[in-house]
PDB file of N, CA and C in Angstrom:
ATOM      1  N   MET A   1     150.942  92.825  48.543  1.00  0.00           N
ATOM      2  CA  MET A   1     150.771  93.289  49.826  1.00  0.00           C
ATOM      3  C   MET A   1     149.517  92.534  50.531  1.00  0.00           C
ATOM      4  N   ASP A   2     149.652  91.994  51.799  1.00  0.00           N
ATOM      5  CA  ASP A   2     148.615  91.121  52.368  1.00  0.00           C
ATOM      6  C   ASP A   2     147.623  92.117  53.014  1.00  0.00           C
ATOM      7  N   ILE A   3     146.573  91.445  53.380  1.00  0.00           N
ATOM      8  CA  ILE A   3     145.621  92.206  54.136  1.00  0.00           C
ATOM      9  C   ILE A   3     146.009  92.854  55.405  1.00  0.00           C
ATOM     10  N   LYS A   4     146.917  92.515  56.256  1.00  0.00           N
ATOM     11  CA  LYS A   4     147.439  93.121  57.310  1.00  0.00           C
ATOM     12  C   LYS A   4     148.113  94.402  56.854  1.00  0.00           C
ATOM     13  N   GLN A   5     148.814  94.465  55.755  1.00  0.00           N
ATOM     14  CA  GLN A   5     149.523  95.493  55.391  1.00  0.00           C
ATOM     15  C   GLN A   5     148.407  96.590  54.803  1.00  0.00           C
ATOM     16  N   LYS A   6     147.490  96.130  54.089  1.00  0.00           N
ATOM     17  CA  LYS A   6     146.454  96.986  53.465  1.00  0.00           C
ATOM     18  C   LYS A   6     145.701  97.836  54.485  1.00  0.00           C
ATOM     19  N   VAL A   7     145.264  96.992  55.509  1.00  0.00           N
ATOM     20  CA  VAL A   7     144.611  97.593  56.577  1.00  0.00           C
ATOM     21  C   VAL A   7     145.387  98.562  57.360  1.00  0.00           C
ATOM     22  N   GLY A   8     146.651  98.269  57.700  1.00  0.00           N
ATOM     23  CA  GLY A   8     147.510  99.247  58.274  1.00  0.00           C
ATOM     24  C   GLY A   8     147.763 100.313  57.492  1.00  0.00           C
ATOM     25  N   LYS A   9     147.819 100.309  56.257  1.00  0.00           N
ATOM     26  CA  LYS A   9     148.243 101.466  55.385  1.00  0.00           C
ATOM     27  C   LYS A   9     146.915 102.386  55.464  1.00  0.00           C
ATOM     28  N   LYS A  10     145.841 101.809  55.311  1.00  0.00           N
ATOM     29  CA  LYS A  10     144.615 102.633  55.410  1.00  0.00           C
ATOM     30  C   LYS A  10     144.390 103.228  56.691  1.00  0.00           C
ATOM     31  N   ILE A  11     144.679 102.644  57.784  1.00  0.00           N
ATOM     32  CA  ILE A  11     144.574 103.244  59.085  1.00  0.00           C
ATOM     33  C   ILE A  11     145.530 104.336  59.276  1.00  0.00           C
ATOM     34  N   LYS A  12     146.699 104.326  58.833  1.00  0.00           N
ATOM     35  CA  LYS A  12     147.657 105.210  58.766  1.00  0.00           C
ATOM     36  C   LYS A  12     147.227 106.484  57.953  1.00  0.00           C
ATOM     37  N   GLU A  13     146.651 106.054  56.734  1.00  0.00           N
ATOM     38  CA  GLU A  13     146.074 107.186  55.902  1.00  0.00           C
ATOM     39  C   GLU A  13     145.016 107.993  56.495  1.00  0.00           C
ATOM     40  N   LEU A  14     144.093 107.313  57.250  1.00  0.00           N
ATOM     41  CA  LEU A  14     142.989 107.864  57.807  1.00  0.00           C
ATOM     42  C   LEU A  14     143.584 108.741  58.971  1.00  0.00           C
ATOM     43  N   ARG A  15     144.465 108.180  59.669  1.00  0.00           N
ATOM     44  CA  ARG A  15     144.980 108.842  61.014  1.00  0.00           C
ATOM     45  C   ARG A  15     145.688 110.282  60.508  1.00  0.00           C
ATOM     46  N   GLU A  16     146.377 110.254  59.497  1.00  0.00           N
ATOM     47  CA  GLU A  16     147.049 111.274  58.854  1.00  0.00           C
ATOM     48  C   GLU A  16     146.085 112.410  58.399  1.00  0.00           C
ATOM     49  N   LEU A  17     144.909 111.932  57.775  1.00  0.00           N
ATOM     50  CA  LEU A  17     143.880 112.818  57.400  1.00  0.00           C
ATOM     51  C   LEU A  17     143.392 113.462  58.511  1.00  0.00           C
ATOM     52  N   ASN A  18     143.409 113.109  59.584  1.00  0.00           N
ATOM     53  CA  ASN A  18     142.693 113.693  60.863  1.00  0.00           C
ATOM     54  C   ASN A  18     143.900 114.458  61.688  1.00  0.00           C
ATOM     55  N   ASN A  19     145.114 114.395  61.082  1.00  0.00           N
ATOM     56  CA  ASN A  19     146.025 115.169  61.890  1.00  0.00           C
ATOM     57  C   ASN A  19     146.340 114.558  63.234  1.00  0.00           C
ATOM     58  N   GLN A  20     146.201 113.260  63.390  1.00  0.00           N
ATOM     59  CA  GLN A  20     146.359 112.632  64.705  1.00  0.00           C
ATOM     60  C   GLN A  20     147.844 111.959  64.538  1.00  0.00           C
ATOM     61  N   SER A  21     148.621 112.069  65.727  1.00  0.00           N
ATOM     62  CA  SER A  21     149.827 111.174  65.858  1.00  0.00           C
ATOM     63  C   SER A  21     149.379 109.725  66.226  1.00  0.00           C
ATOM     64  N   GLN A  22     150.425 108.910  66.156  1.00  0.00           N
ATOM     65  CA  GLN A  22     150.128 107.724  66.575  1.00  0.00           C
ATOM     66  C   GLN A  22     149.687 107.578  68.126  1.00  0.00           C
ATOM     67  N   LYS A  23     150.444 108.480  68.896  1.00  0.00           N
ATOM     68  CA  LYS A  23     150.071 108.626  70.393  1.00  0.00           C
ATOM     69  C   LYS A  23     148.792 109.145  70.528  1.00  0.00           C
ATOM     70  N   ASP A  24     148.242 110.170  69.773  1.00  0.00           N
ATOM     71  CA  ASP A  24     147.070 110.645  70.036  1.00  0.00           C
ATOM     72  C   ASP A  24     145.799 109.596  69.644  1.00  0.00           C
ATOM     73  N   LEU A  25     146.190 108.931  68.541  1.00  0.00           N
ATOM     74  CA  LEU A  25     145.275 107.705  68.198  1.00  0.00           C
ATOM     75  C   LEU A  25     145.237 106.579  69.295  1.00  0.00           C
ATOM     76  N   ALA A  26     146.281 106.217  69.638  1.00  0.00           N
ATOM     77  CA  ALA A  26     146.473 105.056  70.772  1.00  0.00           C
ATOM     78  C   ALA A  26     145.943 105.594  72.122  1.00  0.00           C
ATOM     79  N   TYR A  27     145.847 106.870  72.448  1.00  0.00           N
ATOM     80  CA  TYR A  27     145.097 107.254  73.695  1.00  0.00           C
ATOM     81  C   TYR A  27     143.654 107.386  73.438  1.00  0.00           C
ATOM     82  N   SER A  28     143.282 107.563  72.358  1.00  0.00           N
ATOM     83  CA  SER A  28     141.787 107.608  71.985  1.00  0.00           C
ATOM     84  C   SER A  28     141.142 106.326  72.103  1.00  0.00           C
ATOM     85  N   CYS A  29     142.040 105.346  71.680  1.00  0.00           N
ATOM     86  CA  CYS A  29     141.564 103.951  71.726  1.00  0.00           C
ATOM     87  C   CYS A  29     141.932 103.114  72.668  1.00  0.00           C
ATOM     88  N   ASP A  30     142.462 103.761  73.696  1.00  0.00           N
ATOM     89  CA  ASP A  30     142.877 102.960  74.719  1.00  0.00           C
ATOM     90  C   ASP A  30     143.945 101.865  74.586  1.00  0.00           C
ATOM     91  N   LEU A  31     144.796 101.995  73.564  1.00  0.00           N
ATOM     92  CA  LEU A  31     145.827 101.086  73.097  1.00  0.00           C
ATOM     93  C   LEU A  31     147.235 101.611  73.200  1.00  0.00           C
ATOM     94  N   ASP A  32     148.115 100.637  73.129  1.00  0.00           N
ATOM     95  CA  ASP A  32     149.492 101.270  73.253  1.00  0.00           C
ATOM     96  C   ASP A  32     149.947 101.848  72.010  1.00  0.00           C
ATOM     97  N   ARG A  33     150.808 103.063  71.868  1.00  0.00           N
ATOM     98  CA  ARG A  33     151.240 103.623  70.801  1.00  0.00           C
ATOM     99  C   ARG A  33     152.091 102.660  69.993  1.00  0.00           C
ATOM    100  N   SER A  34     152.935 101.528  70.660  1.00  0.00           N
ATOM    101  CA  SER A  34     153.714 100.638  69.761  1.00  0.00           C
ATOM    102  C   SER A  34     152.770  99.495  69.129  1.00  0.00           C
ATOM    103  N   TYR A  35     151.604  99.376  69.661  1.00  0.00           N
ATOM    104  CA  TYR A  35     150.545  98.610  68.968  1.00  0.00           C
ATOM    105  C   TYR A  35     150.047  99.264  67.824  1.00  0.00           C
ATOM    106  N   ILE A  36     149.752 100.349  67.752  1.00  0.00           N
ATOM    107  CA  ILE A  36     149.327 101.152  66.629  1.00  0.00           C
ATOM    108  C   ILE A  36     150.389 101.029  65.578  1.00  0.00           C
ATOM    109  N   ALA A  37     151.576 101.489  65.926  1.00  0.00           N
ATOM    110  CA  ALA A  37     152.736 101.414  64.914  1.00  0.00           C
ATOM    111  C   ALA A  37     152.821 100.014  64.316  1.00  0.00           C
ATOM    112  N   SER A  38     152.647  98.903  65.035  1.00  0.00           N
ATOM    113  CA  SER A  38     152.932  97.668  64.427  1.00  0.00           C
ATOM    114  C   SER A  38     151.587  97.274  63.555  1.00  0.00           C
ATOM    115  N   VAL A  39     150.597  97.730  63.840  1.00  0.00           N
ATOM    116  CA  VAL A  39     149.170  97.549  63.042  1.00  0.00           C
ATOM    117  C   VAL A  39     149.552  98.424  61.729  1.00  0.00           C
ATOM    118  N   GLU A  40     149.815  99.635  61.899  1.00  0.00           N
ATOM    119  CA  GLU A  40     150.207 100.407  60.555  1.00  0.00           C
ATOM    120  C   GLU A  40     151.372  99.976  59.808  1.00  0.00           C
ATOM    121  N   ASN A  41     152.283  99.063  60.355  1.00  0.00           N
ATOM    122  CA  ASN A  41     153.273  98.472  59.583  1.00  0.00           C
ATOM    123  C   ASN A  41     152.950  97.010  59.167  1.00  0.00           C
ATOM    124  N   GLY A  42     151.622  96.694  59.306  1.00  0.00           N
ATOM    125  CA  GLY A  42     151.317  95.320  58.910  1.00  0.00           C
ATOM    126  C   GLY A  42     151.775  94.276  59.638  1.00  0.00           C
ATOM    127  N   LYS A  43     152.150  94.413  60.783  1.00  0.00           N
ATOM    128  CA  LYS A  43     152.914  93.256  61.679  1.00  0.00           C
ATOM    129  C   LYS A  43     151.949  92.664  62.678  1.00  0.00           C
ATOM    130  N   ARG A  44     150.601  93.180  62.653  1.00  0.00           N
ATOM    131  CA  ARG A  44     149.613  92.759  63.659  1.00  0.00           C
ATOM    132  C   ARG A  44     148.523  92.022  62.907  1.00  0.00           C
ATOM    133  N   ASN A  45     147.869  91.092  63.445  1.00  0.00           N
ATOM    134  CA  ASN A  45     146.758  90.478  62.882  1.00  0.00           C
ATOM    135  C   ASN A  45     145.767  91.096  64.045  1.00  0.00           C
ATOM    136  N   ILE A  46     145.177  92.210  63.636  1.00  0.00           N
ATOM    137  CA  ILE A  46     144.335  93.155  64.496  1.00  0.00           C
ATOM    138  C   ILE A  46     142.938  92.511  64.756  1.00  0.00           C
ATOM    139  N   SER A  47     142.321  92.426  65.885  1.00  0.00           N
ATOM    140  CA  SER A  47     141.053  91.837  66.107  1.00  0.00           C
ATOM    141  C   SER A  47     140.024  92.900  65.762  1.00  0.00           C
ATOM    142  N   ILE A  48     138.912  92.470  65.593  1.00  0.00           N
ATOM    143  CA  ILE A  48     137.711  93.175  65.149  1.00  0.00           C
ATOM    144  C   ILE A  48     137.326  94.214  66.277  1.00  0.00           C
ATOM    145  N   VAL A  49     137.601  93.937  67.393  1.00  0.00           N
ATOM    146  CA  VAL A  49     137.442  94.664  68.509  1.00  0.00           C
ATOM    147  C   VAL A  49     138.163  95.873  68.567  1.00  0.00           C
ATOM    148  N   ASN A  50     139.497  95.711  68.226  1.00  0.00           N
ATOM    149  CA  ASN A  50     140.421  96.768  68.115  1.00  0.00           C
ATOM    150  C   ASN A  50     140.291  97.542  66.800  1.00  0.00           C
ATOM    151  N   LEU A  51     139.751  97.007  65.810  1.00  0.00           N
ATOM    152  CA  LEU A  51     139.342  97.824  64.501  1.00  0.00           C
ATOM    153  C   LEU A  51     138.340  98.607  64.746  1.00  0.00           C
ATOM    154  N   GLU A  52     137.380  98.246  65.691  1.00  0.00           N
ATOM    155  CA  GLU A  52     136.153  98.962  65.868  1.00  0.00           C
ATOM    156  C   GLU A  52     136.628 100.340  66.731  1.00  0.00           C
ATOM    157  N   LYS A  53     137.604 100.023  67.788  1.00  0.00           N
ATOM    158  CA  LYS A  53     137.940 101.247  68.542  1.00  0.00           C
ATOM    159  C   LYS A  53     138.814 102.210  67.631  1.00  0.00           C
ATOM    160  N   ILE A  54     139.586 101.657  66.838  1.00  0.00           N
ATOM    161  CA  ILE A  54     140.288 102.628  66.043  1.00  0.00           C
ATOM    162  C   ILE A  54     139.221 103.375  65.012  1.00  0.00           C
ATOM    163  N   SER A  55     138.354 102.667  64.405  1.00  0.00           N
ATOM    164  CA  SER A  55     137.250 103.404  63.456  1.00  0.00           C
ATOM    165  C   SER A  55     136.613 104.529  64.382  1.00  0.00           C
ATOM    166  N   ILE A  56     136.282 104.186  65.626  1.00  0.00           N
ATOM    167  CA  ILE A  56     135.592 105.161  66.342  1.00  0.00           C
ATOM    168  C   ILE A  56     136.418 106.279  66.750  1.00  0.00           C
ATOM    169  N   ALA A  57     137.732 106.020  67.046  1.00  0.00           N
ATOM    170  CA  ALA A  57     138.783 107.178  67.232  1.00  0.00           C
ATOM    171  C   ALA A  57     139.035 108.109  65.985  1.00  0.00           C
ATOM    172  N   LEU A  58     138.809 107.421  64.928  1.00  0.00           N
ATOM    173  CA  LEU A  58     139.250 108.104  63.718  1.00  0.00           C
ATOM    174  C   LEU A  58     137.901 108.695  63.129  1.00  0.00           C
ATOM    175  N   ASN A  59     136.724 108.445  63.855  1.00  0.00           N
ATOM    176  CA  ASN A  59     135.461 109.014  63.293  1.00  0.00           C
ATOM    177  C   ASN A  59     135.038 108.650  62.069  1.00  0.00           C
ATOM    178  N   VAL A  60     135.391 107.406  61.664  1.00  0.00           N
ATOM    179  CA  VAL A  60     134.893 106.820  60.365  1.00  0.00           C
ATOM    180  C   VAL A  60     134.211 105.366  60.558  1.00  0.00           C
ATOM    181  N   PRO A  61     133.167 104.984  59.624  1.00  0.00           N
ATOM    182  CA  PRO A  61     132.730 103.916  59.803  1.00  0.00           C
ATOM    183  C   PRO A  61     133.551 102.619  59.582  1.00  0.00           C
ATOM    184  N   LEU A  62     133.433 101.563  60.213  1.00  0.00           N
ATOM    185  CA  LEU A  62     134.365 100.379  60.367  1.00  0.00           C
ATOM    186  C   LEU A  62     134.596 100.120  58.840  1.00  0.00           C
ATOM    187  N   SER A  63     133.613 100.020  57.915  1.00  0.00           N
ATOM    188  CA  SER A  63     133.757  99.648  56.642  1.00  0.00           C
ATOM    189  C   SER A  63     134.920 100.595  55.765  1.00  0.00           C
ATOM    190  N   GLN A  64     135.065 101.797  56.290  1.00  0.00           N
ATOM    191  CA  GLN A  64     135.984 102.673  55.652  1.00  0.00           C
ATOM    192  C   GLN A  64     137.302 102.173  55.785  1.00  0.00           C
ATOM    193  N   ILE A  65     137.691 101.333  56.713  1.00  0.00           N
ATOM    194  CA  ILE A  65     139.006 100.743  56.743  1.00  0.00           C
ATOM    195  C   ILE A  65     139.343  99.823  55.665  1.00  0.00           C
ATOM    196  N   PHE A  66     138.263  99.236  55.101  1.00  0.00           N
ATOM    197  CA  PHE A  66     138.278  98.101  54.209  1.00  0.00           C
ATOM    198  C   PHE A  66     138.300  98.683  52.566  1.00  0.00           C
ATOM    199  N   ILE A  67     137.870 100.009  52.562  1.00  0.00           N
ATOM    200  CA  ILE A  67     137.805 100.617  51.261  1.00  0.00           C
ATOM    201  C   ILE A  67     139.231 100.867  50.784  1.00  0.00           C
ATOM    202  N   ASN A  68     139.530 100.336  49.530  1.00  0.00           N
ATOM    203  CA  ASN A  68     140.935 100.400  48.976  1.00  0.00           C
ATOM    204  C   ASN A  68     140.879 101.541  47.831  1.00  0.00           C
ATOM    205  N   GLU A  69     141.129 102.578  48.388  1.00  0.00           N
ATOM    206  CA  GLU A  69     141.179 103.828  47.467  1.00  0.00           C
ATOM    207  C   GLU A  69     142.591 104.283  47.248  1.00  0.00           C
ATOM    208  N   THR A  70     143.079 104.737  46.251  1.00  0.00           N
ATOM    209  CA  THR A  70     144.320 105.187  45.837  1.00  0.00           C
ATOM    210  C   THR A  70     144.436 106.726  46.103  1.00  0.00           C
ATOM    211  N   LYS A  71     145.439 107.141  46.680  1.00  0.00           N
ATOM    212  CA  LYS A  71     145.563 108.646  46.741  1.00  0.00           C
ATOM    213  C   LYS A  71     145.783 109.382  45.479  1.00  0.00           C
ATOM    214  N   PRO A  72     145.408 110.420  45.205  1.00  0.00           N
ATOM    215  CA  PRO A  72     145.643 111.135  44.026  1.00  0.00           C
ATOM    216  C   PRO A  72     147.141 111.573  43.709  1.00  0.00           C
TER     217      PRO A  72
END
């Protein structure tokens, strides 16, 4: 799994923990829903600016996106 897939998977996990849809997250970040979907699927090389927007919308520190934890 490459870094884009790992980051996308973590964003999806955090979004689901917040009970947010992709549409809700996209609206909070001022990004397109299809962009969020492609990030979560590891198809985008996301910029640090957009990572910050997503972390703010998820109410987590930016570093949390890079913590690789496994679900129980």
